[in-house]
């Protein structure tokens, strides 16, 4: 079994932020080091145990998609080759290899850019309550897991703590201006459509996904992670059937386990049994294999 890294320790390198999954270090005024750990969160809490190889899957998949989407949008990536890292990082190869990247510091936009091609998750809950998502009216008679008539842009507030909340496009416009709001919407939908078309050739339905954008100077770039099992719902084409929860290559397996044991979704978050952690790891690695056509190194 691979070493599970729940928290990185890089003495001498200033810690910039520690999120639910990523440890971010400040390299200089223009550069950050992103390290994807094996932490996993569910229901807004970080669990007490990690998922083997999860951070490596997130990083390697993001690198694949950054390259795949390069004709649609620039991104914040500088390099993921540790041979090109500053000398100050060379002694931490065991923590950085395969799970880290050097990126431009970007001024991030405080909006989660969500694209939905299928009805599920919080979108399904909104539909049941209002027959709409983020103010977008939808036809009657849709089921949990239904394909939407067309892909929709359903932004969310970007919460640093707690849970992101769906917001209307009008709210986004009020916050950041109509021109930037329209640009984010257009980019989000274009990226989703290209990725979903490709994923379908690999036997995967891209149900929904979220992106983050920011500015490096005057350039709008795609940042953070891209089209991973943490930020997206990947469903096997062959088992898709509207009317309920779908099989998926993401952390829904963990959520289902936590629901099954009756956790009250309050701290402290429980640890996962070894078999649940390994099955989740296998789902992440299968997503990587199917999408890229390669085994995780």
Protein backbone atom coordinates (compact mmCIF):
# COMPACT_ATOMS: atom_id res chain seq x y z
CA UNK A 1 0.00 0.00 0.00
CA UNK A 2 1.25 3.51 -0.80
CA UNK A 3 2.20 5.82 2.02
CA UNK A 4 -0.81 7.92 3.00
CA UNK A 5 0.08 11.59 3.45
CA UNK A 6 -2.44 13.44 5.61
CA UNK A 7 -0.31 16.53 6.13
CA UNK A 8 2.91 17.72 4.60
CA UNK A 9 5.79 19.16 6.59
CA UNK A 10 8.27 21.30 4.66
CA UNK A 11 10.48 23.04 7.26
CA UNK A 12 11.80 26.34 6.00
CA UNK A 13 9.04 26.76 3.38
CA UNK A 14 6.30 29.21 4.50
CA UNK A 15 2.86 27.60 4.70
CA UNK A 16 0.42 29.83 2.79
CA UNK A 17 -2.79 27.87 3.43
CA UNK A 18 -4.02 24.44 4.40
CA UNK A 19 -7.34 23.49 2.83
CA UNK A 20 -9.52 20.41 3.02
CA UNK A 21 -7.17 18.57 0.66
CA UNK A 22 -4.30 20.84 -0.42
CA UNK A 23 -1.37 22.25 1.47
CA UNK A 24 -0.21 25.46 -0.22
CA UNK A 25 3.24 26.93 0.31
CA UNK A 26 4.58 30.37 -0.58
CA UNK A 27 7.71 30.09 -2.73
CA UNK A 28 8.05 33.76 -3.66
CA UNK A 29 5.92 36.79 -4.46
CA UNK A 30 4.68 35.25 -7.71
CA UNK A 31 4.77 31.50 -7.09
CA UNK A 32 2.92 28.98 -4.93
CA UNK A 33 3.48 25.27 -4.37
CA UNK A 34 0.29 23.19 -4.37
CA UNK A 35 0.53 19.78 -2.68
CA UNK A 36 -2.49 17.47 -2.88
CA UNK A 37 -2.59 15.32 0.26
CA UNK A 38 -4.59 12.13 0.75
CA UNK A 39 -7.08 13.86 3.05
CA UNK A 40 -10.73 13.37 2.24
CA UNK A 41 -13.66 15.46 3.37
CA UNK A 42 -17.34 14.61 3.45
CA UNK A 43 -20.26 16.73 4.58
CA UNK A 44 -17.76 19.60 5.07
CA UNK A 45 -15.54 17.77 7.56
CA UNK A 46 -12.11 16.27 7.03
CA UNK A 47 -12.19 12.60 7.97
CA UNK A 48 -9.72 11.04 10.37
CA UNK A 49 -8.21 8.73 7.75
CA UNK A 50 -6.89 9.29 4.25
CA UNK A 51 -7.32 7.60 0.88
CA UNK A 52 -4.18 5.93 -0.55
CA UNK A 53 -2.92 7.68 -3.73
CA UNK A 54 -5.77 10.19 -3.73
CA UNK A 55 -3.52 13.24 -3.90
CA UNK A 56 -1.54 11.77 -6.75
CA UNK A 57 -4.73 11.06 -8.72
CA UNK A 58 -5.99 14.62 -8.19
CA UNK A 59 -2.71 16.14 -9.33
CA UNK A 60 -2.09 13.85 -12.30
CA UNK A 61 -5.67 14.19 -13.56
CA UNK A 62 -5.52 17.97 -13.27
CA UNK A 63 -2.28 17.98 -15.27
CA UNK A 64 -3.94 15.85 -17.97
CA UNK A 65 -6.90 18.22 -18.23
CA UNK A 66 -4.80 21.40 -18.13
CA UNK A 67 -3.02 20.11 -21.22
CA UNK A 68 -6.22 18.87 -22.88
CA UNK A 69 -7.98 22.22 -22.38
CA UNK A 70 -5.04 24.46 -23.30
CA UNK A 71 -6.74 25.66 -26.49
CA UNK A 72 -9.75 26.89 -24.51
CA UNK A 73 -8.14 28.56 -21.54
CA UNK A 74 -4.76 29.40 -20.02
CA UNK A 75 -4.14 28.03 -16.53
CA UNK A 76 -2.00 28.73 -13.48
CA UNK A 77 0.45 25.83 -13.93
CA UNK A 78 4.19 26.50 -14.10
CA UNK A 79 5.58 22.97 -13.74
CA UNK A 80 4.96 19.68 -11.98
CA UNK A 81 8.47 18.36 -12.69
CA UNK A 82 10.26 18.41 -9.35
CA UNK A 83 13.59 18.57 -11.19
CA UNK A 84 12.56 22.12 -12.09
CA UNK A 85 11.59 23.07 -8.54
CA UNK A 86 13.69 25.50 -6.49
CA UNK A 87 16.66 23.99 -4.69
CA UNK A 88 14.92 24.69 -1.37
CA UNK A 89 12.35 21.98 -2.20
CA UNK A 90 14.74 19.27 -3.37
CA UNK A 91 14.90 17.54 0.02
CA UNK A 92 11.16 16.90 0.13
CA UNK A 93 10.80 14.64 -2.88
CA UNK A 94 9.07 11.91 -0.85
CA UNK A 95 6.23 14.33 -0.06
CA UNK A 96 6.08 16.11 -3.42
CA UNK A 97 6.67 13.52 -6.15
CA UNK A 98 3.55 13.05 -8.27
CA UNK A 99 1.27 15.08 -6.03
CA UNK A 100 2.52 18.67 -6.34
CA UNK A 101 2.76 21.52 -8.81
CA UNK A 102 4.29 24.97 -8.93
CA UNK A 103 1.73 27.57 -9.98
CA UNK A 104 1.41 31.28 -10.59
CA UNK A 105 -0.12 33.19 -7.73
CA UNK A 106 -3.52 34.26 -9.01
CA UNK A 107 -6.12 36.66 -7.71
CA UNK A 108 -8.95 34.17 -7.43
CA UNK A 109 -12.56 35.09 -8.19
CA UNK A 110 -14.87 34.29 -5.28
CA UNK A 111 -17.32 32.25 -7.37
CA UNK A 112 -17.51 28.49 -7.86
CA UNK A 113 -18.24 27.99 -11.57
CA UNK A 114 -20.45 24.90 -11.80
CA UNK A 115 -21.62 23.22 -15.01
CA UNK A 116 -24.38 20.61 -14.88
CA UNK A 117 -25.30 18.23 -17.66
CA UNK A 118 -27.31 15.91 -15.41
CA UNK A 119 -29.64 16.43 -12.45
CA UNK A 120 -28.11 15.28 -9.16
CA UNK A 121 -26.77 16.39 -5.80
CA UNK A 122 -27.76 19.85 -4.62
CA UNK A 123 -29.23 20.49 -8.06
CA UNK A 124 -31.71 17.66 -7.56
CA UNK A 125 -32.68 19.04 -4.13
CA UNK A 126 -33.28 22.49 -5.64
CA UNK A 127 -35.30 20.96 -8.46
CA UNK A 128 -37.52 19.02 -6.06
CA UNK A 129 -38.15 22.19 -4.05
CA UNK A 130 -38.48 24.76 -6.85
CA UNK A 131 -38.36 22.96 -10.24
CA UNK A 132 -35.34 25.17 -10.92
CA UNK A 133 -31.62 25.46 -10.12
CA UNK A 134 -30.04 28.84 -9.41
CA UNK A 135 -33.11 30.53 -10.86
CA UNK A 136 -33.02 28.46 -14.08
CA UNK A 137 -36.44 26.91 -14.68
CA UNK A 138 -36.44 23.26 -15.72
CA UNK A 139 -39.17 21.07 -17.25
CA UNK A 140 -41.41 18.98 -15.04
CA UNK A 141 -41.00 15.22 -14.75
CA UNK A 142 -37.22 14.99 -14.45
CA UNK A 143 -35.75 12.35 -12.14
CA UNK A 144 -32.67 12.14 -9.97
CA UNK A 145 -29.93 11.39 -12.52
CA UNK A 146 -31.83 12.67 -15.58
CA UNK A 147 -29.90 14.25 -18.43
CA UNK A 148 -30.79 17.94 -18.60
CA UNK A 149 -32.23 19.37 -21.84
CA UNK A 150 -29.03 21.41 -22.13
CA UNK A 151 -25.98 22.05 -19.98
CA UNK A 152 -26.57 24.82 -17.44
CA UNK A 153 -24.28 27.17 -15.53
CA UNK A 154 -25.19 27.08 -11.83
CA UNK A 155 -22.70 29.16 -9.84
CA UNK A 156 -22.12 28.85 -6.12
CA UNK A 157 -20.69 31.05 -3.44
CA UNK A 158 -17.11 30.11 -2.63
CA UNK A 159 -17.07 29.23 1.06
CA UNK A 160 -13.70 29.02 2.82
CA UNK A 161 -15.42 27.26 5.71
CA UNK A 162 -18.68 25.38 5.59
CA UNK A 163 -20.61 24.51 2.45
CA UNK A 164 -20.80 26.33 -0.87
CA UNK A 165 -24.32 27.61 -1.61
CA UNK A 166 -25.96 27.83 -5.02
CA UNK A 167 -26.52 31.42 -6.17
CA UNK A 168 -28.22 32.96 -9.19
CA UNK A 169 -26.40 34.33 -12.21
CA UNK A 170 -27.86 37.74 -11.32
CA UNK A 171 -26.09 37.54 -7.96
CA UNK A 172 -22.80 36.75 -9.70
CA UNK A 173 -23.32 39.74 -12.00
CA UNK A 174 -23.95 42.00 -9.03
CA UNK A 175 -20.76 40.80 -7.34
CA UNK A 176 -18.25 40.84 -10.20
CA UNK A 177 -19.90 42.73 -13.05
CA UNK A 178 -21.78 41.52 -16.11
CA UNK A 179 -18.81 41.28 -18.50
CA UNK A 180 -16.75 39.00 -16.24
CA UNK A 181 -19.84 37.00 -15.23
CA UNK A 182 -20.64 36.32 -18.88
CA UNK A 183 -17.02 35.35 -19.58
CA UNK A 184 -16.98 32.88 -16.67
CA UNK A 185 -20.26 31.36 -17.84
CA UNK A 186 -19.05 30.97 -21.43
CA UNK A 187 -15.72 29.46 -20.40
CA UNK A 188 -17.32 27.09 -17.91
CA UNK A 189 -19.82 25.74 -20.43
CA UNK A 190 -17.23 25.45 -23.21
CA UNK A 191 -14.81 23.54 -20.96
CA UNK A 192 -17.57 21.25 -19.73
CA UNK A 193 -18.78 20.44 -23.23
CA UNK A 194 -15.30 19.60 -24.51
CA UNK A 195 -14.50 17.49 -21.44
CA UNK A 196 -17.86 15.71 -21.46
CA UNK A 197 -17.52 14.86 -25.15
CA UNK A 198 -14.08 13.36 -24.52
CA UNK A 199 -15.16 11.53 -21.35
CA UNK A 200 -18.00 9.89 -23.29
CA UNK A 201 -15.43 8.32 -25.63
CA UNK A 202 -13.87 6.75 -22.50
CA UNK A 203 -17.16 5.30 -21.22
CA UNK A 204 -17.77 8.02 -18.64
CA UNK A 205 -20.64 10.48 -18.20
CA UNK A 206 -19.52 13.81 -16.77
CA UNK A 207 -22.59 14.62 -14.68
CA UNK A 208 -21.37 17.92 -13.28
CA UNK A 209 -18.18 19.70 -12.35
CA UNK A 210 -16.91 22.92 -10.82
CA UNK A 211 -14.08 25.22 -11.85
CA UNK A 212 -12.22 28.09 -10.23
CA UNK A 213 -10.82 31.03 -12.15
CA UNK A 214 -8.51 33.88 -11.23
CA UNK A 215 -6.33 36.57 -12.71
CA UNK A 216 -2.59 36.40 -13.25
CA UNK A 217 -1.94 40.01 -14.15
CA UNK A 218 -4.69 40.84 -16.62
CA UNK A 219 -5.07 37.26 -17.85
CA UNK A 220 -8.04 35.14 -16.73
CA UNK A 221 -6.76 31.64 -15.93
CA UNK A 222 -8.17 28.31 -14.85
CA UNK A 223 -6.84 27.40 -11.41
CA UNK A 224 -6.85 24.92 -8.55
CA UNK A 225 -7.88 21.39 -9.59
CA UNK A 226 -9.68 20.49 -12.80
CA UNK A 227 -12.12 17.67 -13.58
CA UNK A 228 -11.08 15.35 -10.75
CA UNK A 229 -13.23 12.96 -8.71
CA UNK A 230 -13.21 15.61 -5.95
CA UNK A 231 -14.59 18.39 -8.15
CA UNK A 232 -16.76 16.35 -10.53
CA UNK A 233 -19.21 13.50 -10.72
CA UNK A 234 -18.04 10.77 -13.10
CA UNK A 235 -20.61 8.05 -13.85
CA UNK A 236 -20.05 4.81 -15.80
CA UNK A 237 -22.08 5.07 -19.02
CA UNK A 238 -23.10 1.44 -18.86
CA UNK A 239 -24.87 1.65 -15.50
CA UNK A 240 -26.54 5.06 -15.86
CA UNK A 241 -30.25 4.89 -15.15
CA UNK A 242 -32.26 7.93 -14.04
CA UNK A 243 -34.40 7.51 -10.96
CA UNK A 244 -31.89 7.44 -8.11
CA UNK A 245 -28.27 7.54 -7.06
CA UNK A 246 -25.75 6.48 -9.70
CA UNK A 247 -22.60 4.42 -9.46
CA UNK A 248 -19.73 6.87 -9.55
CA UNK A 249 -15.96 7.27 -9.57
CA UNK A 250 -15.85 9.77 -6.73
CA UNK A 251 -16.27 10.10 -2.97
CA UNK A 252 -19.98 9.28 -3.05
CA UNK A 253 -18.92 5.81 -1.86
CA UNK A 254 -17.56 7.43 1.32
CA UNK A 255 -20.69 9.55 1.79
CA UNK A 256 -22.82 6.42 1.45
CA UNK A 257 -20.76 4.65 4.12
CA UNK A 258 -21.08 7.59 6.52
CA UNK A 259 -24.84 7.69 5.97
CA UNK A 260 -25.02 3.95 6.56
CA UNK A 261 -23.27 4.11 9.95
CA UNK A 262 -25.49 6.97 11.07
CA UNK A 263 -22.80 9.62 11.66
CA UNK A 264 -24.50 12.81 12.84
CA UNK A 265 -22.27 14.97 10.60
CA UNK A 266 -20.78 16.75 13.58
CA UNK A 267 -17.15 16.71 14.73
CA UNK A 268 -15.19 14.65 15.36
CA UNK A 269 -15.38 13.05 11.92
CA UNK A 270 -14.90 9.28 12.01
CA UNK A 271 -12.11 7.25 10.48
CA UNK A 272 -12.84 4.91 7.60
CA UNK A 273 -12.38 1.14 7.74
CA UNK A 274 -9.46 -0.06 5.62
CA UNK A 275 -11.77 -1.73 3.08
CA UNK A 276 -13.76 1.48 2.52
CA UNK A 277 -10.56 3.52 2.14
CA UNK A 278 -9.09 1.03 -0.35
CA UNK A 279 -12.29 0.76 -2.40
CA UNK A 280 -12.44 4.56 -2.59
CA UNK A 281 -8.78 4.62 -3.68
CA UNK A 282 -9.58 2.07 -6.38
CA UNK A 283 -12.44 4.23 -7.67
CA UNK A 284 -10.17 7.27 -7.92
CA UNK A 285 -7.47 5.30 -9.72
CA UNK A 286 -10.03 3.74 -12.07
CA UNK A 287 -11.24 7.21 -13.01
CA UNK A 288 -7.65 8.17 -13.80
CA UNK A 289 -7.08 5.01 -15.86
CA UNK A 290 -10.27 5.38 -17.88
CA UNK A 291 -9.81 9.08 -18.60
CA UNK A 292 -6.11 9.07 -19.43
CA UNK A 293 -5.74 5.52 -20.76
CA UNK A 294 -2.78 5.01 -18.38
CA UNK A 295 -2.19 3.38 -15.06
CA UNK A 296 -1.23 5.71 -12.23
CA UNK A 297 2.55 5.60 -11.96
